[in-house]
C-alpha cells in the first residue's frame, strides 16, 4: 500500500513539475519541447512540430535532457513563513537575494503564553548546487532571544534544499537540517533541529 502511494505521489510530482528540453530516442532522433505529463510507461510532450501533444513510449527513450537554463533570484525579495516543528516555532521570514547564490535573511518570531518569547535572527545562505528546480544550500545564523525578562543568544549552522515548482517559479518551499546552540536563557544547550519554510519572491 505504501509503495503504491509513493509511486502515485512521484507520478503526480512529475506531472506538475517536469519540464524537458531535449528527448533522445533509441532511433537516434531528438525531440525538443516541454513534458506535460509523464508516468512509468508513457509521456506527453508539447513540441513546436505539431499543435497537438506528442505521445511517446518510455521504452523508446534513451535519454531526457532537462532544461539547463539559468534560474536567478538575484536582487529578489522573498516573504513567507519559517516553521521549526521540534520547537513549535512559527517565524516570519524576509529573505533578500544578494546575488544568484548568496542571500541574507531576517527571521522574526513572537509567541505569548505562560512566557512571552521573542526571537530575532540574521542568517546568511549560500547555494552550492542548483539542479533543475532545486537549490542545495548551506548557511549560518546568529540572533537574540528573549523569554520574559531573560535574554540570550542563538547560533546555528544548517544545510538544506529549496524547491521551486515549474508551474509557480516565484514560490519556494525549503527543508533544512542543522545544529542550534542557545545560551543565556537557562543552561547552555546544543541540539539538532529541522525546519520547513514557504516563501513568495517578488
N, C-alpha and C. Protein backbone atom coordinates (compact mmCIF):
# COMPACT_ATOMS: atom_id res chain seq x y z
N UNK A 1 0.83 -1.20 0.00
CA UNK A 1 0.00 0.00 0.00
C UNK A 1 0.87 1.26 0.00
N UNK A 2 1.89 1.29 0.87
CA UNK A 2 2.78 2.45 0.95
C UNK A 2 3.57 2.61 -0.35
N UNK A 3 3.95 1.46 -0.96
CA UNK A 3 4.71 1.53 -2.21
C UNK A 3 3.88 2.17 -3.32
N UNK A 4 2.60 1.76 -3.41
CA UNK A 4 1.73 2.33 -4.44
C UNK A 4 1.47 3.81 -4.20
N UNK A 5 1.35 4.21 -2.95
CA UNK A 5 1.15 5.62 -2.62
C UNK A 5 2.36 6.44 -3.01
N UNK A 6 3.56 5.89 -2.76
CA UNK A 6 4.80 6.59 -3.13
C UNK A 6 4.89 6.75 -4.65
N UNK A 7 4.56 5.70 -5.40
CA UNK A 7 4.60 5.77 -6.87
C UNK A 7 3.61 6.80 -7.38
N UNK A 8 2.41 6.82 -6.81
CA UNK A 8 1.39 7.78 -7.22
C UNK A 8 1.84 9.22 -6.96
N UNK A 9 2.41 9.46 -5.79
CA UNK A 9 2.89 10.80 -5.47
C UNK A 9 4.02 11.22 -6.41
N UNK A 10 4.90 10.28 -6.75
CA UNK A 10 6.00 10.58 -7.67
C UNK A 10 5.47 10.95 -9.05
N UNK A 11 4.48 10.20 -9.52
CA UNK A 11 3.88 10.49 -10.82
C UNK A 11 3.22 11.85 -10.82
N UNK A 12 2.49 12.16 -9.75
CA UNK A 12 1.83 13.47 -9.65
C UNK A 12 2.85 14.59 -9.62
N UNK A 13 3.96 14.38 -8.92
CA UNK A 13 5.01 15.39 -8.86
C UNK A 13 5.58 15.66 -10.25
N UNK A 14 5.85 14.58 -10.99
CA UNK A 14 6.37 14.75 -12.35
C UNK A 14 5.33 15.40 -13.26
N UNK A 15 4.07 15.07 -13.05
CA UNK A 15 3.03 15.63 -13.89
C UNK A 15 2.94 17.13 -13.75
N UNK A 16 3.21 17.64 -12.54
CA UNK A 16 3.11 19.07 -12.31
C UNK A 16 4.39 19.80 -12.66
N UNK A 17 5.54 19.19 -12.34
CA UNK A 17 6.77 19.95 -12.39
C UNK A 17 7.71 19.63 -13.55
N UNK A 18 7.52 18.48 -14.20
CA UNK A 18 8.52 18.07 -15.17
C UNK A 18 8.54 19.00 -16.37
N UNK A 19 9.74 19.35 -16.80
CA UNK A 19 9.92 20.18 -17.98
C UNK A 19 11.21 19.75 -18.64
N UNK A 20 11.14 19.41 -19.95
CA UNK A 20 12.32 18.89 -20.62
C UNK A 20 12.66 19.76 -21.82
N UNK A 21 13.94 19.75 -22.14
CA UNK A 21 14.39 20.48 -23.31
C UNK A 21 14.56 19.55 -24.50
N UNK A 22 15.24 18.43 -24.28
CA UNK A 22 15.53 17.52 -25.38
C UNK A 22 15.29 16.08 -24.96
N UNK A 23 14.59 15.32 -25.84
CA UNK A 23 14.38 13.90 -25.64
C UNK A 23 15.17 13.15 -26.70
N UNK A 24 16.05 12.26 -26.26
CA UNK A 24 16.83 11.44 -27.17
C UNK A 24 16.15 10.08 -27.30
N UNK A 25 15.81 9.71 -28.56
CA UNK A 25 15.12 8.45 -28.81
C UNK A 25 16.11 7.36 -29.16
N UNK A 26 15.69 6.10 -28.96
CA UNK A 26 16.55 4.97 -29.29
C UNK A 26 16.89 4.92 -30.77
N UNK A 27 16.02 5.49 -31.61
CA UNK A 27 16.24 5.50 -33.06
C UNK A 27 17.32 6.47 -33.49
N UNK A 28 17.76 7.34 -32.54
CA UNK A 28 18.76 8.33 -32.87
C UNK A 28 18.18 9.72 -33.08
N UNK A 29 16.85 9.81 -33.17
CA UNK A 29 16.19 11.10 -33.35
C UNK A 29 16.14 11.86 -32.03
N UNK A 30 15.94 13.17 -32.14
CA UNK A 30 15.80 14.03 -30.96
C UNK A 30 14.54 14.87 -31.09
N UNK A 31 13.87 15.10 -29.97
CA UNK A 31 12.68 15.96 -29.92
C UNK A 31 12.90 17.03 -28.87
N UNK A 32 12.50 18.25 -29.19
CA UNK A 32 12.60 19.34 -28.22
C UNK A 32 11.20 19.79 -27.83
N UNK A 33 11.03 20.16 -26.57
CA UNK A 33 9.73 20.62 -26.10
C UNK A 33 9.64 20.56 -24.59
N UNK A 34 8.41 20.59 -24.11
CA UNK A 34 8.17 20.54 -22.67
C UNK A 34 7.28 19.36 -22.33
N UNK A 35 7.69 18.61 -21.32
CA UNK A 35 6.89 17.47 -20.87
C UNK A 35 5.69 18.00 -20.10
N UNK A 36 4.50 17.55 -20.51
CA UNK A 36 3.27 17.97 -19.84
C UNK A 36 2.80 16.96 -18.81
N UNK A 37 2.99 15.69 -19.10
CA UNK A 37 2.62 14.64 -18.13
C UNK A 37 3.48 13.41 -18.41
N UNK A 38 3.82 12.69 -17.36
CA UNK A 38 4.70 11.53 -17.51
C UNK A 38 4.35 10.50 -16.45
N UNK A 39 4.31 9.23 -16.86
CA UNK A 39 4.13 8.15 -15.90
C UNK A 39 5.18 7.07 -16.20
N UNK A 40 4.98 5.88 -15.67
CA UNK A 40 6.00 4.84 -15.81
C UNK A 40 6.14 4.33 -17.24
N UNK A 41 5.08 4.45 -18.08
CA UNK A 41 5.10 3.85 -19.41
C UNK A 41 5.13 4.86 -20.55
N UNK A 42 4.50 6.01 -20.36
CA UNK A 42 4.39 6.98 -21.45
C UNK A 42 4.63 8.40 -20.94
N UNK A 43 4.86 9.29 -21.90
CA UNK A 43 4.90 10.72 -21.58
C UNK A 43 4.32 11.48 -22.76
N UNK A 44 3.81 12.67 -22.45
CA UNK A 44 3.26 13.56 -23.46
C UNK A 44 4.10 14.82 -23.49
N UNK A 45 4.52 15.20 -24.69
CA UNK A 45 5.39 16.36 -24.83
C UNK A 45 4.73 17.40 -25.75
N UNK A 46 4.86 18.65 -25.36
CA UNK A 46 4.39 19.76 -26.19
C UNK A 46 5.57 20.20 -27.05
N UNK A 47 5.41 20.07 -28.37
CA UNK A 47 6.51 20.35 -29.28
C UNK A 47 6.08 21.36 -30.33
N UNK A 48 7.05 22.10 -30.87
CA UNK A 48 6.76 23.07 -31.93
C UNK A 48 6.49 22.37 -33.26
N UNK A 49 6.71 21.04 -33.33
CA UNK A 49 6.50 20.29 -34.56
C UNK A 49 5.02 20.11 -34.88
N UNK A 50 4.18 20.15 -33.85
CA UNK A 50 2.76 19.93 -34.05
C UNK A 50 1.96 20.71 -33.01
N UNK A 51 0.71 21.01 -33.35
CA UNK A 51 -0.15 21.74 -32.42
C UNK A 51 -0.66 20.82 -31.32
N UNK A 52 -0.62 19.51 -31.55
CA UNK A 52 -1.09 18.55 -30.56
C UNK A 52 0.09 18.01 -29.75
N UNK A 53 -0.21 17.51 -28.55
CA UNK A 53 0.83 16.90 -27.74
C UNK A 53 1.23 15.55 -28.34
N UNK A 54 2.52 15.29 -28.31
CA UNK A 54 3.03 14.02 -28.82
C UNK A 54 3.09 12.99 -27.70
N UNK A 55 2.63 11.78 -28.00
CA UNK A 55 2.70 10.68 -27.04
C UNK A 55 3.91 9.82 -27.36
N UNK A 56 4.75 9.58 -26.34
CA UNK A 56 5.97 8.80 -26.55
C UNK A 56 6.04 7.71 -25.50
N UNK A 57 6.36 6.49 -25.96
CA UNK A 57 6.54 5.37 -25.02
C UNK A 57 7.88 5.52 -24.33
N UNK A 58 7.92 5.31 -23.01
CA UNK A 58 9.17 5.42 -22.26
C UNK A 58 10.21 4.42 -22.76
N UNK A 59 9.75 3.29 -23.28
CA UNK A 59 10.67 2.26 -23.78
C UNK A 59 11.45 2.75 -25.00
N UNK A 60 10.91 3.76 -25.72
CA UNK A 60 11.58 4.29 -26.91
C UNK A 60 12.58 5.39 -26.58
N UNK A 61 12.68 5.76 -25.30
CA UNK A 61 13.57 6.85 -24.89
C UNK A 61 14.91 6.31 -24.40
N UNK A 62 15.97 6.97 -24.82
CA UNK A 62 17.28 6.61 -24.29
C UNK A 62 17.77 7.63 -23.27
N UNK A 63 17.31 8.91 -23.41
CA UNK A 63 17.78 9.95 -22.50
C UNK A 63 16.84 11.14 -22.52
N UNK A 64 16.65 11.76 -21.35
CA UNK A 64 15.91 13.02 -21.25
C UNK A 64 16.89 14.06 -20.73
N UNK A 65 17.11 15.10 -21.51
CA UNK A 65 17.99 16.19 -21.09
C UNK A 65 17.12 17.36 -20.66
N UNK A 66 17.12 17.63 -19.35
CA UNK A 66 16.27 18.68 -18.82
C UNK A 66 16.84 20.06 -19.10
N UNK A 67 15.95 21.01 -19.18
CA UNK A 67 16.32 22.39 -19.48
C UNK A 67 17.32 22.89 -18.45
N UNK A 68 18.46 23.35 -18.90
CA UNK A 68 19.51 23.81 -18.00
C UNK A 68 19.63 25.33 -17.99
N UNK A 69 18.57 26.00 -18.45
CA UNK A 69 18.63 27.47 -18.47
C UNK A 69 18.80 28.00 -17.06
N UNK A 70 19.59 29.05 -16.92
CA UNK A 70 19.91 29.59 -15.60
C UNK A 70 18.69 30.20 -14.94
N UNK A 71 18.50 29.87 -13.68
CA UNK A 71 17.43 30.47 -12.90
C UNK A 71 18.11 31.34 -11.85
N UNK A 72 17.79 32.62 -11.86
CA UNK A 72 18.46 33.53 -10.94
C UNK A 72 17.43 34.31 -10.12
N UNK A 73 17.66 34.36 -8.82
CA UNK A 73 16.81 35.15 -7.93
C UNK A 73 17.53 36.40 -7.44
N UNK A 74 18.62 36.75 -8.11
CA UNK A 74 19.42 37.90 -7.68
C UNK A 74 18.57 39.14 -7.55
N UNK A 75 18.75 39.84 -6.41
CA UNK A 75 18.05 41.09 -6.09
C UNK A 75 16.53 40.91 -5.95
N UNK A 76 16.11 39.68 -5.64
CA UNK A 76 14.69 39.42 -5.39
C UNK A 76 14.47 39.32 -3.88
N UNK A 77 13.27 39.68 -3.45
CA UNK A 77 12.90 39.66 -2.04
C UNK A 77 11.80 38.64 -1.83
N UNK A 78 12.01 37.76 -0.84
CA UNK A 78 11.01 36.74 -0.53
C UNK A 78 10.45 36.93 0.87
N UNK A 79 9.14 36.75 0.99
CA UNK A 79 8.46 36.88 2.29
C UNK A 79 7.65 35.61 2.51
N UNK A 80 7.73 35.06 3.72
CA UNK A 80 6.98 33.85 3.99
C UNK A 80 7.05 33.41 5.43
N UNK A 81 6.81 32.14 5.64
CA UNK A 81 6.74 31.54 6.98
C UNK A 81 7.86 30.51 7.13
N UNK A 82 8.55 30.57 8.27
CA UNK A 82 9.63 29.63 8.60
C UNK A 82 9.20 28.90 9.86
N UNK A 83 9.02 27.58 9.77
CA UNK A 83 8.46 26.80 10.87
C UNK A 83 9.43 25.71 11.31
N UNK A 84 9.65 25.65 12.64
CA UNK A 84 10.51 24.61 13.23
C UNK A 84 9.64 23.70 14.09
N UNK A 85 9.32 22.49 13.59
CA UNK A 85 8.39 21.60 14.30
C UNK A 85 8.84 21.20 15.70
N UNK A 86 10.16 20.92 15.90
CA UNK A 86 10.60 20.41 17.20
C UNK A 86 10.51 21.46 18.30
N UNK A 87 10.48 22.73 17.95
CA UNK A 87 10.28 23.78 18.95
C UNK A 87 8.93 24.45 18.83
N UNK A 88 8.13 23.97 17.86
CA UNK A 88 6.83 24.56 17.56
C UNK A 88 6.95 26.08 17.37
N UNK A 89 7.96 26.48 16.60
CA UNK A 89 8.24 27.90 16.38
C UNK A 89 7.75 28.33 15.01
N UNK A 90 6.88 29.32 14.98
CA UNK A 90 6.44 29.91 13.72
C UNK A 90 7.05 31.30 13.62
N UNK A 91 7.80 31.54 12.54
CA UNK A 91 8.51 32.79 12.38
C UNK A 91 8.22 33.42 11.03
N UNK A 92 8.29 34.73 10.99
CA UNK A 92 8.21 35.46 9.73
C UNK A 92 9.59 35.48 9.09
N UNK A 93 9.67 35.17 7.81
CA UNK A 93 10.94 35.13 7.08
C UNK A 93 10.94 36.21 6.00
N UNK A 94 12.00 37.03 5.99
CA UNK A 94 12.21 38.01 4.94
C UNK A 94 13.60 37.72 4.36
N UNK A 95 13.62 37.24 3.12
CA UNK A 95 14.87 36.78 2.51
C UNK A 95 15.21 37.63 1.30
N UNK A 96 16.41 38.19 1.30
CA UNK A 96 16.86 39.05 0.21
C UNK A 96 18.04 38.39 -0.50
N UNK A 97 17.90 38.14 -1.80
CA UNK A 97 18.98 37.53 -2.57
C UNK A 97 19.97 38.61 -2.98
N UNK A 98 21.20 38.49 -2.52
CA UNK A 98 22.25 39.46 -2.83
C UNK A 98 22.85 39.19 -4.21
N UNK A 99 22.87 37.93 -4.61
CA UNK A 99 23.36 37.51 -5.93
C UNK A 99 22.58 36.25 -6.30
N UNK A 100 23.01 35.58 -7.35
CA UNK A 100 22.30 34.37 -7.77
C UNK A 100 22.53 33.19 -6.81
N UNK A 101 23.55 33.30 -5.92
CA UNK A 101 23.83 32.20 -4.99
C UNK A 101 23.86 32.63 -3.52
N UNK A 102 23.96 33.93 -3.24
CA UNK A 102 24.07 34.41 -1.86
C UNK A 102 22.80 35.13 -1.44
N UNK A 103 22.38 34.90 -0.20
CA UNK A 103 21.19 35.58 0.32
C UNK A 103 21.35 35.88 1.80
N UNK A 104 20.69 36.95 2.23
CA UNK A 104 20.61 37.32 3.64
C UNK A 104 19.15 37.24 4.05
N UNK A 105 18.91 36.74 5.26
CA UNK A 105 17.55 36.51 5.71
C UNK A 105 17.36 37.01 7.13
N UNK A 106 16.22 37.64 7.35
CA UNK A 106 15.84 38.08 8.69
C UNK A 106 14.65 37.24 9.13
N UNK A 107 14.77 36.61 10.30
CA UNK A 107 13.68 35.80 10.85
C UNK A 107 13.23 36.41 12.16
N UNK A 108 11.95 36.67 12.26
CA UNK A 108 11.37 37.29 13.45
C UNK A 108 10.25 36.42 13.97
N UNK A 109 10.29 36.12 15.27
CA UNK A 109 9.25 35.30 15.87
C UNK A 109 8.81 35.82 17.21
N UNK A 110 7.51 35.67 17.48
CA UNK A 110 6.96 36.09 18.77
C UNK A 110 5.84 35.14 19.16
N UNK A 111 5.81 34.75 20.43
CA UNK A 111 4.72 33.93 20.94
C UNK A 111 4.40 34.35 22.36
N UNK A 112 3.12 34.31 22.69
CA UNK A 112 2.70 34.67 24.04
C UNK A 112 2.02 33.47 24.68
N UNK A 113 2.12 33.38 25.97
CA UNK A 113 1.53 32.27 26.71
C UNK A 113 1.95 32.39 28.16
N UNK A 114 2.36 31.26 28.76
CA UNK A 114 2.87 31.34 30.12
C UNK A 114 4.14 32.18 30.17
N UNK A 115 4.88 32.19 29.03
CA UNK A 115 6.05 33.04 28.87
C UNK A 115 5.98 33.75 27.52
N UNK A 116 6.23 35.04 27.53
CA UNK A 116 6.32 35.78 26.27
C UNK A 116 7.71 35.56 25.68
N UNK A 117 7.75 35.06 24.46
CA UNK A 117 9.01 34.74 23.80
C UNK A 117 9.16 35.56 22.53
N UNK A 118 10.35 36.13 22.36
CA UNK A 118 10.65 36.91 21.16
C UNK A 118 12.01 36.49 20.63
N UNK A 119 12.12 36.37 19.31
CA UNK A 119 13.39 35.99 18.70
C UNK A 119 13.65 36.80 17.44
N UNK A 120 14.89 37.17 17.26
CA UNK A 120 15.31 37.92 16.07
C UNK A 120 16.62 37.30 15.59
N UNK A 121 16.67 36.88 14.33
CA UNK A 121 17.84 36.18 13.82
C UNK A 121 18.20 36.66 12.43
N UNK A 122 19.49 36.86 12.20
CA UNK A 122 20.01 37.22 10.88
C UNK A 122 20.79 36.03 10.36
N UNK A 123 20.50 35.64 9.12
CA UNK A 123 21.12 34.44 8.55
C UNK A 123 21.74 34.74 7.19
N UNK A 124 22.79 33.98 6.88
CA UNK A 124 23.42 34.03 5.57
C UNK A 124 23.33 32.63 4.95
N UNK A 125 22.94 32.58 3.68
CA UNK A 125 22.80 31.30 3.00
C UNK A 125 23.51 31.36 1.65
N UNK A 126 24.17 30.26 1.30
CA UNK A 126 24.85 30.18 0.00
C UNK A 126 24.42 28.89 -0.72
N UNK A 127 24.03 29.03 -1.97
CA UNK A 127 23.67 27.88 -2.80
C UNK A 127 24.95 27.27 -3.36
N UNK A 128 25.17 25.99 -3.08
CA UNK A 128 26.37 25.34 -3.61
C UNK A 128 26.07 24.46 -4.81
N UNK A 129 24.77 24.19 -5.06
CA UNK A 129 24.41 23.44 -6.25
C UNK A 129 22.97 23.74 -6.63
N UNK A 130 22.76 24.11 -7.90
CA UNK A 130 21.41 24.32 -8.43
C UNK A 130 21.17 23.27 -9.49
N UNK A 131 20.17 22.45 -9.27
CA UNK A 131 19.89 21.36 -10.20
C UNK A 131 18.41 21.35 -10.53
N UNK A 132 18.10 21.71 -11.79
CA UNK A 132 16.70 21.77 -12.20
C UNK A 132 15.96 22.83 -11.40
N UNK A 133 14.91 22.41 -10.72
CA UNK A 133 14.09 23.34 -9.95
C UNK A 133 14.48 23.37 -8.47
N UNK A 134 15.63 22.79 -8.12
CA UNK A 134 16.02 22.67 -6.71
C UNK A 134 17.39 23.30 -6.46
N UNK A 135 17.47 24.08 -5.39
CA UNK A 135 18.73 24.64 -4.91
C UNK A 135 19.17 23.88 -3.65
N UNK A 136 20.43 23.50 -3.60
CA UNK A 136 21.01 22.93 -2.38
C UNK A 136 21.86 24.01 -1.74
N UNK A 137 21.70 24.21 -0.43
CA UNK A 137 22.35 25.33 0.22
C UNK A 137 22.92 24.95 1.59
N UNK A 138 23.81 25.83 2.08
CA UNK A 138 24.28 25.76 3.46
C UNK A 138 24.34 27.18 3.98
N UNK A 139 24.41 27.32 5.31
CA UNK A 139 24.45 28.66 5.86
C UNK A 139 24.63 28.68 7.37
N UNK A 140 24.59 29.89 7.90
CA UNK A 140 24.75 30.10 9.34
C UNK A 140 23.90 31.29 9.76
N UNK A 141 23.55 31.30 11.05
CA UNK A 141 22.75 32.39 11.57
C UNK A 141 23.09 32.70 13.01
N UNK A 142 22.81 33.93 13.40
CA UNK A 142 23.01 34.35 14.79
C UNK A 142 21.86 35.28 15.16
N UNK A 143 21.43 35.18 16.43
CA UNK A 143 20.31 36.01 16.83
C UNK A 143 20.21 36.18 18.33
N UNK A 144 19.21 36.92 18.73
CA UNK A 144 18.94 37.16 20.15
C UNK A 144 17.59 36.55 20.52
N UNK A 145 17.49 36.10 21.75
CA UNK A 145 16.27 35.50 22.28
C UNK A 145 15.85 36.23 23.53
N UNK A 146 14.56 36.27 23.76
CA UNK A 146 14.04 36.89 24.98
C UNK A 146 12.87 36.07 25.49
N UNK A 147 12.96 35.65 26.75
CA UNK A 147 11.86 34.96 27.42
C UNK A 147 11.57 35.71 28.71
N UNK A 148 10.45 36.41 28.73
CA UNK A 148 10.11 37.31 29.84
C UNK A 148 11.26 38.29 30.07
N UNK A 149 11.91 38.23 31.20
CA UNK A 149 12.99 39.19 31.48
C UNK A 149 14.37 38.63 31.14
N UNK A 150 14.45 37.40 30.68
CA UNK A 150 15.74 36.78 30.38
C UNK A 150 16.12 37.04 28.92
N UNK A 151 17.43 37.24 28.70
CA UNK A 151 17.95 37.48 27.36
C UNK A 151 19.02 36.44 27.05
N UNK A 152 19.11 36.05 25.80
CA UNK A 152 20.11 35.07 25.41
C UNK A 152 20.47 35.20 23.94
N UNK A 153 21.35 34.33 23.51
CA UNK A 153 21.77 34.33 22.11
C UNK A 153 21.61 32.95 21.51
N UNK A 154 21.54 32.91 20.19
CA UNK A 154 21.41 31.64 19.47
C UNK A 154 22.32 31.67 18.25
N UNK A 155 22.98 30.56 18.00
CA UNK A 155 23.84 30.40 16.83
C UNK A 155 23.45 29.09 16.16
N UNK A 156 23.40 29.11 14.82
CA UNK A 156 23.03 27.88 14.13
C UNK A 156 23.82 27.72 12.83
N UNK A 157 24.06 26.46 12.47
CA UNK A 157 24.65 26.09 11.19
C UNK A 157 23.69 25.10 10.55
N UNK A 158 23.47 25.23 9.26
CA UNK A 158 22.43 24.42 8.63
C UNK A 158 22.74 24.14 7.17
N UNK A 159 22.01 23.18 6.63
CA UNK A 159 22.08 22.83 5.22
C UNK A 159 20.70 22.34 4.81
N UNK A 160 20.38 22.48 3.52
CA UNK A 160 19.06 22.03 3.09
C UNK A 160 18.85 22.24 1.61
N UNK A 161 17.58 22.21 1.20
CA UNK A 161 17.22 22.38 -0.20
C UNK A 161 15.98 23.25 -0.31
N UNK A 162 15.91 24.01 -1.41
CA UNK A 162 14.73 24.83 -1.70
C UNK A 162 14.24 24.46 -3.09
N UNK A 163 12.95 24.19 -3.19
CA UNK A 163 12.34 23.71 -4.43
C UNK A 163 11.41 24.78 -4.99
N UNK A 164 11.52 25.02 -6.31
CA UNK A 164 10.69 26.00 -7.00
C UNK A 164 9.84 25.28 -8.04
N UNK A 165 8.53 25.12 -7.82
CA UNK A 165 7.70 24.41 -8.80
C UNK A 165 7.75 25.09 -10.17
N UNK A 166 7.81 24.29 -11.23
CA UNK A 166 7.85 24.83 -12.59
C UNK A 166 6.60 25.66 -12.88
N UNK A 167 5.47 25.23 -12.30
CA UNK A 167 4.22 25.94 -12.57
C UNK A 167 4.11 27.25 -11.81
N UNK A 168 4.95 27.44 -10.78
CA UNK A 168 4.93 28.68 -9.99
C UNK A 168 6.34 28.99 -9.52
N UNK A 169 7.22 29.47 -10.44
CA UNK A 169 8.64 29.64 -10.10
C UNK A 169 8.94 30.73 -9.08
N UNK A 170 7.97 31.59 -8.77
CA UNK A 170 8.19 32.62 -7.75
C UNK A 170 7.94 32.10 -6.34
N UNK A 171 7.48 30.88 -6.22
CA UNK A 171 7.14 30.28 -4.93
C UNK A 171 8.22 29.26 -4.57
N UNK A 172 8.77 29.35 -3.37
CA UNK A 172 9.81 28.43 -2.93
C UNK A 172 9.43 27.67 -1.68
N UNK A 173 9.70 26.37 -1.66
CA UNK A 173 9.49 25.51 -0.49
C UNK A 173 10.84 24.96 -0.08
N UNK A 174 11.20 25.11 1.19
CA UNK A 174 12.51 24.64 1.62
C UNK A 174 12.43 23.75 2.85
N UNK A 175 13.43 22.88 2.95
CA UNK A 175 13.60 22.00 4.10
C UNK A 175 15.05 22.11 4.52
N UNK A 176 15.28 22.30 5.83
CA UNK A 176 16.66 22.41 6.31
C UNK A 176 16.87 21.59 7.57
N UNK A 177 18.11 21.17 7.76
CA UNK A 177 18.55 20.45 8.95
C UNK A 177 19.78 21.17 9.48
N UNK A 178 19.90 21.26 10.80
CA UNK A 178 21.05 21.98 11.32
C UNK A 178 21.30 21.74 12.78
N UNK A 179 22.29 22.48 13.28
CA UNK A 179 22.68 22.42 14.70
C UNK A 179 22.43 23.80 15.30
N UNK A 180 21.78 23.82 16.46
CA UNK A 180 21.44 25.06 17.15
C UNK A 180 22.09 25.08 18.53
N UNK A 181 22.73 26.22 18.85
CA UNK A 181 23.32 26.40 20.18
C UNK A 181 22.71 27.64 20.81
N UNK A 182 22.10 27.47 21.99
CA UNK A 182 21.49 28.58 22.72
C UNK A 182 22.18 28.76 24.06
N UNK A 183 22.32 30.02 24.46
CA UNK A 183 22.90 30.30 25.77
C UNK A 183 22.32 31.61 26.30
N UNK A 184 22.37 31.74 27.62
CA UNK A 184 21.88 32.96 28.25
C UNK A 184 20.49 32.82 28.83
N UNK A 185 19.73 31.82 28.37
CA UNK A 185 18.40 31.55 28.93
C UNK A 185 18.46 30.15 29.54
N UNK A 186 18.72 30.09 30.81
CA UNK A 186 18.90 28.80 31.47
C UNK A 186 20.25 28.22 31.10
N UNK A 187 20.33 26.91 31.01
CA UNK A 187 21.58 26.24 30.68
C UNK A 187 21.92 26.40 29.21
N UNK A 188 23.21 26.28 28.91
CA UNK A 188 23.65 26.29 27.51
C UNK A 188 23.19 24.98 26.87
N UNK A 189 22.50 25.07 25.75
CA UNK A 189 22.01 23.87 25.07
C UNK A 189 22.50 23.84 23.63
N UNK A 190 22.74 22.64 23.16
CA UNK A 190 23.12 22.44 21.76
C UNK A 190 22.36 21.23 21.25
N UNK A 191 21.67 21.39 20.13
CA UNK A 191 20.83 20.30 19.64
C UNK A 191 20.65 20.40 18.13
N UNK A 192 20.22 19.29 17.56
CA UNK A 192 19.87 19.27 16.15
C UNK A 192 18.44 19.77 15.99
N UNK A 193 18.13 20.33 14.84
CA UNK A 193 16.78 20.80 14.59
C UNK A 193 16.45 20.62 13.11
N UNK A 194 15.17 20.70 12.79
CA UNK A 194 14.75 20.72 11.38
C UNK A 194 13.75 21.85 11.20
N UNK A 195 13.58 22.30 9.97
CA UNK A 195 12.67 23.41 9.70
C UNK A 195 12.17 23.32 8.28
N UNK A 196 10.97 23.82 8.07
CA UNK A 196 10.40 23.95 6.73
C UNK A 196 10.00 25.40 6.53
N UNK A 197 10.02 25.85 5.30
CA UNK A 197 9.68 27.24 5.02
C UNK A 197 8.98 27.35 3.68
N UNK A 198 8.13 28.34 3.56
CA UNK A 198 7.46 28.65 2.30
C UNK A 198 7.57 30.15 2.10
N UNK A 199 8.04 30.55 0.93
CA UNK A 199 8.22 31.99 0.64
C UNK A 199 7.75 32.30 -0.76
N UNK A 200 7.29 33.54 -0.93
CA UNK A 200 6.95 34.04 -2.26
C UNK A 200 7.94 35.15 -2.59
N UNK A 201 8.55 35.06 -3.79
CA UNK A 201 9.58 36.00 -4.18
C UNK A 201 9.03 37.07 -5.13
N UNK A 202 9.28 38.32 -4.80
CA UNK A 202 8.81 39.45 -5.60
C UNK A 202 9.93 39.99 -6.47
